[in-house]
C-alpha atoms as a PDB file:
ATOM      1  CA  UNK A   1       0.000   0.000   0.000  1.00  0.00           C
ATOM      2  CA  UNK A   2       1.347   3.412  -0.924  1.00  0.00           C
ATOM      3  CA  UNK A   3       1.872   5.697   2.047  1.00  0.00           C
ATOM      4  CA  UNK A   4       1.550   9.472   1.913  1.00  0.00           C
ATOM      5  CA  UNK A   5       3.570  11.852   4.054  1.00  0.00           C
ATOM      6  CA  UNK A   6       1.792  14.749   5.705  1.00  0.00           C
ATOM      7  CA  UNK A   7       2.986  17.557   7.902  1.00  0.00           C
ATOM      8  CA  UNK A   8       0.595  18.324  10.754  1.00  0.00           C
ATOM      9  CA  UNK A   9       0.744  21.334  13.013  1.00  0.00           C
ATOM     10  CA  UNK A  10      -1.313  21.361  16.170  1.00  0.00           C
ATOM     11  CA  UNK A  11      -1.158  22.575  19.731  1.00  0.00           C
ATOM     12  CA  UNK A  12       1.486  20.880  21.872  1.00  0.00           C
ATOM     13  CA  UNK A  13      -1.197  19.984  24.455  1.00  0.00           C
ATOM     14  CA  UNK A  14      -2.997  17.944  21.792  1.00  0.00           C
ATOM     15  CA  UNK A  15       0.280  16.236  20.917  1.00  0.00           C
ATOM     16  CA  UNK A  16       0.864  15.423  24.591  1.00  0.00           C
ATOM     17  CA  UNK A  17      -2.611  13.864  24.873  1.00  0.00           C
ATOM     18  CA  UNK A  18      -2.110  11.904  21.640  1.00  0.00           C
ATOM     19  CA  UNK A  19       1.274  10.688  22.878  1.00  0.00           C
ATOM     20  CA  UNK A  20      -0.244   9.428  26.149  1.00  0.00           C
ATOM     21  CA  UNK A  21      -3.222   7.863  24.375  1.00  0.00           C
ATOM     22  CA  UNK A  22      -0.944   6.157  21.856  1.00  0.00           C
ATOM     23  CA  UNK A  23       1.279   4.882  24.647  1.00  0.00           C
ATOM     24  CA  UNK A  24      -1.734   3.461  26.499  1.00  0.00           C
ATOM     25  CA  UNK A  25      -2.700   1.532  23.362  1.00  0.00           C
ATOM     26  CA  UNK A  26       0.886   0.506  22.510  1.00  0.00           C
ATOM     27  CA  UNK A  27       0.990   2.563  19.311  1.00  0.00           C
ATOM     28  CA  UNK A  28       3.216   5.295  17.970  1.00  0.00           C
ATOM     29  CA  UNK A  29       1.700   8.767  17.715  1.00  0.00           C
ATOM     30  CA  UNK A  30       1.650   8.371  13.936  1.00  0.00           C
ATOM     31  CA  UNK A  31      -0.168   5.030  14.167  1.00  0.00           C
ATOM     32  CA  UNK A  32      -2.621   6.527  16.675  1.00  0.00           C
ATOM     33  CA  UNK A  33      -3.447   9.422  14.346  1.00  0.00           C
ATOM     34  CA  UNK A  34      -3.895   7.011  11.434  1.00  0.00           C
ATOM     35  CA  UNK A  35      -6.123   4.795  13.610  1.00  0.00           C
ATOM     36  CA  UNK A  36      -8.273   7.755  14.650  1.00  0.00           C
ATOM     37  CA  UNK A  37      -8.606   9.021  11.084  1.00  0.00           C
ATOM     38  CA  UNK A  38      -9.566   5.546   9.867  1.00  0.00           C
ATOM     39  CA  UNK A  39     -12.192   5.288  12.631  1.00  0.00           C
ATOM     40  CA  UNK A  40     -13.586   8.693  11.614  1.00  0.00           C
ATOM     41  CA  UNK A  41     -13.830   7.621   7.968  1.00  0.00           C
ATOM     42  CA  UNK A  42     -15.585   4.386   8.970  1.00  0.00           C
ATOM     43  CA  UNK A  43     -18.044   6.334  11.113  1.00  0.00           C
ATOM     44  CA  UNK A  44     -18.747   8.864   8.375  1.00  0.00           C
ATOM     45  CA  UNK A  45     -18.800   6.498   5.378  1.00  0.00           C
ATOM     46  CA  UNK A  46     -20.025   3.341   7.096  1.00  0.00           C
ATOM     47  CA  UNK A  47     -17.183   1.191   5.813  1.00  0.00           C
ATOM     48  CA  UNK A  48     -13.489   0.583   6.345  1.00  0.00           C
ATOM     49  CA  UNK A  49     -11.542   2.369   3.582  1.00  0.00           C
ATOM     50  CA  UNK A  50      -8.874  -0.363   3.600  1.00  0.00           C
ATOM     51  CA  UNK A  51     -11.120  -3.437   3.863  1.00  0.00           C
ATOM     52  CA  UNK A  52     -11.329  -4.226   0.139  1.00  0.00           C
ATOM     53  CA  UNK A  53      -7.979  -2.808  -0.908  1.00  0.00           C
ATOM     54  CA  UNK A  54      -6.114  -5.098  -3.319  1.00  0.00           C
ATOM     55  CA  UNK A  55      -2.908  -3.391  -4.529  1.00  0.00           C
ATOM     56  CA  UNK A  56      -2.382  -5.714  -7.507  1.00  0.00           C
ATOM     57  CA  UNK A  57      -5.859  -5.034  -8.884  1.00  0.00           C
ATOM     58  CA  UNK A  58      -5.644  -1.315  -8.158  1.00  0.00           C
ATOM     59  CA  UNK A  59      -2.273  -1.005  -9.889  1.00  0.00           C
ATOM     60  CA  UNK A  60      -3.174  -3.141 -12.917  1.00  0.00           C
ATOM     61  CA  UNK A  61      -6.342  -1.332 -14.013  1.00  0.00           C
ATOM     62  CA  UNK A  62      -7.784   1.315 -11.698  1.00  0.00           C
ATOM     63  CA  UNK A  63     -10.823   2.053 -13.896  1.00  0.00           C
ATOM     64  CA  UNK A  64     -11.802  -1.509 -14.780  1.00  0.00           C
ATOM     65  CA  UNK A  65     -14.826  -1.545 -12.445  1.00  0.00           C
ATOM     66  CA  UNK A  66     -15.993   1.840 -13.735  1.00  0.00           C
ATOM     67  CA  UNK A  67     -15.716   0.863 -17.403  1.00  0.00           C
ATOM     68  CA  UNK A  68     -17.736  -2.378 -17.125  1.00  0.00           C
ATOM     69  CA  UNK A  69     -21.215  -1.557 -18.486  1.00  0.00           C
ATOM     70  CA  UNK A  70     -22.933  -4.688 -17.135  1.00  0.00           C
ATOM     71  CA  UNK A  71     -25.114  -4.513 -14.067  1.00  0.00           C
ATOM     72  CA  UNK A  72     -24.880  -7.010 -11.229  1.00  0.00           C
ATOM     73  CA  UNK A  73     -26.806 -10.147 -12.031  1.00  0.00           C
ATOM     74  CA  UNK A  74     -26.836  -9.598 -15.818  1.00  0.00           C
ATOM     75  CA  UNK A  75     -25.999 -12.577 -17.999  1.00  0.00           C
ATOM     76  CA  UNK A  76     -22.832 -11.766 -19.948  1.00  0.00           C
ATOM     77  CA  UNK A  77     -23.543 -14.337 -22.671  1.00  0.00           C
ATOM     78  CA  UNK A  78     -27.023 -13.093 -23.582  1.00  0.00           C
END
């Protein structure tokens, strides 16, 4: 999975709380932030953004699903 770098600036008190929270859950601060963002996406979208990720399919043809005109349940040989 490709990883993106991101610079975050926030209050040092927030960082302190994140550091303690991460430590309590045996994570790095970076992993804790990623965990929290993933949880927020799941709550907002109703699904895990990484659940169906398949890097070989995504790299081979990223628009294959979008370009298939058949609907689910249609017979392809008709």
